[in-house]
């Protein structure tokens, strides 16, 4: 929950006291909680959402998985007033031993909002929101003298194909 009278990093969402001006992790200026809450609400405006589905709605499959997983995602989308439905996928394996697959469907005009909600849930559930991805684009170049590990950011000589800090293998 965002407290309006505290400061937050707009990138990593760490919380700070009011006298702090810059995020210790991201090195960017902090914003007040009320500003962050307004920007979050503005990014996912509910004003154009229609709520529960009606028979004439054109639906699009946005996710496929187990019924338990889809029930959780359906609840998240319904909380955001996005019309959503779970359906069973047609077909299956001939032996009947396969677990049934289910599909999560939303209104075509709400696909973007639904995917944003699911992306935020994925980041939250996998702790990617707290992960420093600064070096994620780093490439191991054998012709360079030094490489930067994309997993941990450790700089090391390219004479080895394994990061000495985290053990990531490049060979």
C-alpha atoms as a PDB file:
ATOM      1  CA  UNK A   1       0.000   0.000   0.000  1.00  0.00           C
ATOM      2  CA  UNK A   2       1.271   3.433  -0.923  1.00  0.00           C
ATOM      3  CA  UNK A   3       1.336   5.936   1.965  1.00  0.00           C
ATOM      4  CA  UNK A   4       0.657   9.457   0.667  1.00  0.00           C
ATOM      5  CA  UNK A   5       2.937  11.220   3.164  1.00  0.00           C
ATOM      6  CA  UNK A   6       6.035   9.072   2.522  1.00  0.00           C
ATOM      7  CA  UNK A   7       8.465   9.195  -0.396  1.00  0.00           C
ATOM      8  CA  UNK A   8       9.025   6.382  -2.898  1.00  0.00           C
ATOM      9  CA  UNK A   9      11.357   5.489  -5.710  1.00  0.00           C
ATOM     10  CA  UNK A  10       9.263   5.502  -8.897  1.00  0.00           C
ATOM     11  CA  UNK A  11      11.402   2.670 -10.319  1.00  0.00           C
ATOM     12  CA  UNK A  12      11.930   0.116  -7.529  1.00  0.00           C
ATOM     13  CA  UNK A  13       9.126   1.401  -5.259  1.00  0.00           C
ATOM     14  CA  UNK A  14      11.320   1.420  -2.141  1.00  0.00           C
ATOM     15  CA  UNK A  15       9.876   3.555   0.655  1.00  0.00           C
ATOM     16  CA  UNK A  16      11.790   6.463   2.229  1.00  0.00           C
ATOM     17  CA  UNK A  17      11.415   9.057   4.957  1.00  0.00           C
ATOM     18  CA  UNK A  18      10.420  12.558   3.831  1.00  0.00           C
ATOM     19  CA  UNK A  19      13.888  14.103   4.235  1.00  0.00           C
ATOM     20  CA  UNK A  20      15.511  11.659   1.767  1.00  0.00           C
ATOM     21  CA  UNK A  21      15.705  13.033  -1.790  1.00  0.00           C
ATOM     22  CA  UNK A  22      17.233  10.230  -3.891  1.00  0.00           C
ATOM     23  CA  UNK A  23      16.829   6.429  -4.096  1.00  0.00           C
ATOM     24  CA  UNK A  24      19.878   4.665  -2.660  1.00  0.00           C
ATOM     25  CA  UNK A  25      19.532   1.800  -5.148  1.00  0.00           C
ATOM     26  CA  UNK A  26      18.434   3.504  -8.384  1.00  0.00           C
ATOM     27  CA  UNK A  27      20.052   6.935  -7.804  1.00  0.00           C
ATOM     28  CA  UNK A  28      16.959   8.767  -9.083  1.00  0.00           C
ATOM     29  CA  UNK A  29      14.819  11.437  -7.388  1.00  0.00           C
ATOM     30  CA  UNK A  30      12.054  10.233  -5.083  1.00  0.00           C
ATOM     31  CA  UNK A  31       8.371  11.146  -5.424  1.00  0.00           C
ATOM     32  CA  UNK A  32       5.697  11.627  -2.787  1.00  0.00           C
ATOM     33  CA  UNK A  33       3.324   8.714  -2.236  1.00  0.00           C
ATOM     34  CA  UNK A  34       0.318  10.737  -3.430  1.00  0.00           C
ATOM     35  CA  UNK A  35       2.118  11.417  -6.741  1.00  0.00           C
ATOM     36  CA  UNK A  36       3.044   7.754  -7.157  1.00  0.00           C
ATOM     37  CA  UNK A  37      -0.499   6.623  -6.356  1.00  0.00           C
ATOM     38  CA  UNK A  38      -1.906   9.072  -8.909  1.00  0.00           C
ATOM     39  CA  UNK A  39       0.506   7.897 -11.613  1.00  0.00           C
ATOM     40  CA  UNK A  40      -0.305   4.242 -10.923  1.00  0.00           C
ATOM     41  CA  UNK A  41      -4.027   4.956 -11.085  1.00  0.00           C
ATOM     42  CA  UNK A  42      -3.556   7.020 -14.248  1.00  0.00           C
ATOM     43  CA  UNK A  43      -1.622   4.243 -15.933  1.00  0.00           C
ATOM     44  CA  UNK A  44      -4.538   1.875 -15.591  1.00  0.00           C
ATOM     45  CA  UNK A  45      -7.636   3.990 -15.981  1.00  0.00           C
ATOM     46  CA  UNK A  46     -10.817   2.125 -15.133  1.00  0.00           C
ATOM     47  CA  UNK A  47     -13.117   4.637 -16.797  1.00  0.00           C
ATOM     48  CA  UNK A  48     -13.239   2.776 -20.124  1.00  0.00           C
ATOM     49  CA  UNK A  49     -13.752  -0.657 -18.590  1.00  0.00           C
ATOM     50  CA  UNK A  50     -17.119  -2.332 -18.850  1.00  0.00           C
ATOM     51  CA  UNK A  51     -16.860  -4.772 -15.934  1.00  0.00           C
ATOM     52  CA  UNK A  52     -18.476  -8.224 -16.258  1.00  0.00           C
ATOM     53  CA  UNK A  53     -18.780  -9.792 -19.697  1.00  0.00           C
ATOM     54  CA  UNK A  54     -21.955  -9.819 -21.748  1.00  0.00           C
ATOM     55  CA  UNK A  55     -22.848 -12.323 -24.523  1.00  0.00           C
ATOM     56  CA  UNK A  56     -21.990  -9.914 -27.389  1.00  0.00           C
ATOM     57  CA  UNK A  57     -18.404  -9.250 -26.218  1.00  0.00           C
ATOM     58  CA  UNK A  58     -15.589 -10.253 -28.599  1.00  0.00           C
ATOM     59  CA  UNK A  59     -13.128 -12.267 -26.486  1.00  0.00           C
ATOM     60  CA  UNK A  60      -9.424 -12.888 -26.987  1.00  0.00           C
ATOM     61  CA  UNK A  61      -7.301 -15.614 -25.339  1.00  0.00           C
ATOM     62  CA  UNK A  62      -4.460 -13.988 -23.401  1.00  0.00           C
ATOM     63  CA  UNK A  63      -3.184 -16.858 -21.276  1.00  0.00           C
ATOM     64  CA  UNK A  64      -3.341 -20.634 -21.060  1.00  0.00           C
ATOM     65  CA  UNK A  65      -2.641 -22.811 -18.045  1.00  0.00           C
ATOM     66  CA  UNK A  66      -4.004 -24.831 -15.162  1.00  0.00           C
ATOM     67  CA  UNK A  67      -7.379 -24.010 -13.700  1.00  0.00           C
ATOM     68  CA  UNK A  68      -5.861 -23.056 -10.323  1.00  0.00           C
ATOM     69  CA  UNK A  69      -3.463 -20.546 -11.908  1.00  0.00           C
ATOM     70  CA  UNK A  70      -6.167 -19.031 -14.076  1.00  0.00           C
ATOM     71  CA  UNK A  71      -8.579 -18.621 -11.158  1.00  0.00           C
ATOM     72  CA  UNK A  72      -5.967 -16.492  -9.386  1.00  0.00           C
ATOM     73  CA  UNK A  73      -5.372 -14.356 -12.487  1.00  0.00           C
ATOM     74  CA  UNK A  74      -9.109 -14.043 -13.104  1.00  0.00           C
ATOM     75  CA  UNK A  75      -9.579 -12.634  -9.600  1.00  0.00           C
ATOM     76  CA  UNK A  76      -6.814 -10.059 -10.215  1.00  0.00           C
ATOM     77  CA  UNK A  77      -8.414  -8.931 -13.471  1.00  0.00           C
ATOM     78  CA  UNK A  78     -11.910  -8.754 -11.985  1.00  0.00           C
ATOM     79  CA  UNK A  79     -10.552  -6.553  -9.177  1.00  0.00           C
ATOM     80  CA  UNK A  80      -9.445  -4.147 -11.931  1.00  0.00           C
ATOM     81  CA  UNK A  81     -12.961  -4.249 -13.487  1.00  0.00           C
ATOM     82  CA  UNK A  82     -11.727  -6.139 -16.545  1.00  0.00           C
ATOM     83  CA  UNK A  83     -14.238  -8.574 -18.058  1.00  0.00           C
ATOM     84  CA  UNK A  84     -12.684 -12.050 -17.969  1.00  0.00           C
ATOM     85  CA  UNK A  85     -13.681 -15.667 -18.531  1.00  0.00           C
ATOM     86  CA  UNK A  86     -12.018 -19.060 -18.132  1.00  0.00           C
ATOM     87  CA  UNK A  87     -12.806 -21.668 -20.777  1.00  0.00           C
ATOM     88  CA  UNK A  88     -11.628 -25.197 -21.417  1.00  0.00           C
ATOM     89  CA  UNK A  89      -9.440 -25.621 -24.484  1.00  0.00           C
ATOM     90  CA  UNK A  90     -10.819 -27.963 -27.114  1.00  0.00           C
ATOM     91  CA  UNK A  91      -9.049 -31.176 -28.054  1.00  0.00           C
ATOM     92  CA  UNK A  92      -6.506 -32.837 -25.804  1.00  0.00           C
ATOM     93  CA  UNK A  93      -4.405 -35.964 -26.058  1.00  0.00           C
ATOM     94  CA  UNK A  94      -5.904 -39.131 -27.492  1.00  0.00           C
ATOM     95  CA  UNK A  95      -5.111 -41.303 -24.460  1.00  0.00           C
ATOM     96  CA  UNK A  96      -6.979 -39.006 -22.091  1.00  0.00           C
ATOM     97  CA  UNK A  97      -4.010 -38.965 -19.687  1.00  0.00           C
ATOM     98  CA  UNK A  98      -3.188 -35.309 -20.213  1.00  0.00           C
ATOM     99  CA  UNK A  99      -4.346 -32.703 -17.737  1.00  0.00           C
ATOM    100  CA  UNK A 100      -6.955 -30.425 -19.301  1.00  0.00           C
ATOM    101  CA  UNK A 101      -5.782 -27.010 -20.433  1.00  0.00           C
ATOM    102  CA  UNK A 102      -7.751 -23.872 -19.751  1.00  0.00           C
ATOM    103  CA  UNK A 103      -7.721 -20.463 -21.395  1.00  0.00           C
ATOM    104  CA  UNK A 104      -8.097 -16.999 -19.902  1.00  0.00           C
ATOM    105  CA  UNK A 105     -10.122 -14.720 -22.179  1.00  0.00           C
ATOM    106  CA  UNK A 106     -10.795 -10.988 -21.980  1.00  0.00           C
ATOM    107  CA  UNK A 107     -12.618  -8.426 -24.087  1.00  0.00           C
ATOM    108  CA  UNK A 108     -10.572  -7.444 -27.115  1.00  0.00           C
ATOM    109  CA  UNK A 109     -10.594  -3.760 -26.118  1.00  0.00           C
ATOM    110  CA  UNK A 110      -9.259  -4.597 -22.630  1.00  0.00           C
ATOM    111  CA  UNK A 111      -6.336  -6.784 -23.736  1.00  0.00           C
ATOM    112  CA  UNK A 112      -3.713  -4.084 -23.131  1.00  0.00           C
ATOM    113  CA  UNK A 113      -4.930  -3.359 -19.589  1.00  0.00           C
ATOM    114  CA  UNK A 114      -5.221  -7.084 -18.821  1.00  0.00           C
ATOM    115  CA  UNK A 115      -1.688  -7.797 -20.023  1.00  0.00           C
ATOM    116  CA  UNK A 116      -0.372  -4.898 -17.925  1.00  0.00           C
ATOM    117  CA  UNK A 117      -2.058  -6.327 -14.811  1.00  0.00           C
ATOM    118  CA  UNK A 118      -0.638  -9.798 -15.554  1.00  0.00           C
ATOM    119  CA  UNK A 119       2.855  -8.373 -16.168  1.00  0.00           C
ATOM    120  CA  UNK A 120       2.750  -6.544 -12.825  1.00  0.00           C
ATOM    121  CA  UNK A 121       1.624  -9.739 -11.091  1.00  0.00           C
ATOM    122  CA  UNK A 122       4.456 -11.686 -12.743  1.00  0.00           C
ATOM    123  CA  UNK A 123       7.016  -9.106 -11.598  1.00  0.00           C
ATOM    124  CA  UNK A 124       5.588  -9.207  -8.073  1.00  0.00           C
ATOM    125  CA  UNK A 125       5.341 -13.012  -7.867  1.00  0.00           C
ATOM    126  CA  UNK A 126       8.847 -13.625  -9.241  1.00  0.00           C
ATOM    127  CA  UNK A 127      10.475 -10.779  -7.282  1.00  0.00           C
ATOM    128  CA  UNK A 128      11.688  -9.266 -10.570  1.00  0.00           C
ATOM    129  CA  UNK A 129      10.523  -5.874  -9.314  1.00  0.00           C
ATOM    130  CA  UNK A 130      13.390  -5.937  -6.806  1.00  0.00           C
ATOM    131  CA  UNK A 131      15.965  -7.351  -9.246  1.00  0.00           C
ATOM    132  CA  UNK A 132      18.628  -5.042 -10.645  1.00  0.00           C
ATOM    133  CA  UNK A 133      18.511  -5.522 -14.423  1.00  0.00           C
ATOM    134  CA  UNK A 134      21.145  -2.885 -15.145  1.00  0.00           C
ATOM    135  CA  UNK A 135      23.511  -5.381 -16.785  1.00  0.00           C
ATOM    136  CA  UNK A 136      20.887  -7.638 -18.410  1.00  0.00           C
ATOM    137  CA  UNK A 137      21.956  -6.552 -21.898  1.00  0.00           C
ATOM    138  CA  UNK A 138      25.633  -7.363 -21.360  1.00  0.00           C
ATOM    139  CA  UNK A 139      27.193  -9.685 -23.928  1.00  0.00           C
ATOM    140  CA  UNK A 140      30.118 -12.057 -23.347  1.00  0.00           C
ATOM    141  CA  UNK A 141      32.590 -11.134 -26.096  1.00  0.00           C
ATOM    142  CA  UNK A 142      35.579 -13.490 -26.286  1.00  0.00           C
ATOM    143  CA  UNK A 143      37.534 -10.874 -28.271  1.00  0.00           C
ATOM    144  CA  UNK A 144      37.277  -8.310 -25.455  1.00  0.00           C
ATOM    145  CA  UNK A 145      39.703  -8.359 -22.528  1.00  0.00           C
ATOM    146  CA  UNK A 146      36.974  -7.933 -19.939  1.00  0.00           C
ATOM    147  CA  UNK A 147      33.305  -8.948 -19.701  1.00  0.00           C
ATOM    148  CA  UNK A 148      30.491  -7.855 -17.402  1.00  0.00           C
ATOM    149  CA  UNK A 149      28.218 -10.617 -16.132  1.00  0.00           C
ATOM    150  CA  UNK A 150      24.586  -9.898 -17.107  1.00  0.00           C
ATOM    151  CA  UNK A 151      23.355 -11.704 -13.982  1.00  0.00           C
ATOM    152  CA  UNK A 152      25.361 -10.005 -11.254  1.00  0.00           C
ATOM    153  CA  UNK A 153      27.303  -7.142 -12.894  1.00  0.00           C
ATOM    154  CA  UNK A 154      30.725  -8.512 -11.892  1.00  0.00           C
ATOM    155  CA  UNK A 155      33.563  -7.532 -14.270  1.00  0.00           C
ATOM    156  CA  UNK A 156      36.041 -10.332 -15.064  1.00  0.00           C
ATOM    157  CA  UNK A 157      38.679 -11.333 -17.633  1.00  0.00           C
ATOM    158  CA  UNK A 158      37.396 -13.242 -20.680  1.00  0.00           C
ATOM    159  CA  UNK A 159      40.093 -15.871 -20.195  1.00  0.00           C
ATOM    160  CA  UNK A 160      37.460 -17.707 -18.140  1.00  0.00           C
ATOM    161  CA  UNK A 161      33.974 -18.584 -19.390  1.00  0.00           C
ATOM    162  CA  UNK A 162      32.384 -18.643 -15.940  1.00  0.00           C
ATOM    163  CA  UNK A 163      31.597 -15.614 -13.808  1.00  0.00           C
ATOM    164  CA  UNK A 164      33.812 -15.865 -10.687  1.00  0.00           C
ATOM    165  CA  UNK A 165      31.168 -14.072  -8.613  1.00  0.00           C
ATOM    166  CA  UNK A 166      27.900 -15.880  -9.387  1.00  0.00           C
ATOM    167  CA  UNK A 167      28.997 -18.900 -11.439  1.00  0.00           C
ATOM    168  CA  UNK A 168      27.049 -18.097 -14.621  1.00  0.00           C
ATOM    169  CA  UNK A 169      28.583 -20.081 -17.514  1.00  0.00           C
ATOM    170  CA  UNK A 170      29.169 -18.541 -20.946  1.00  0.00           C
ATOM    171  CA  UNK A 171      30.777 -21.500 -22.714  1.00  0.00           C
END
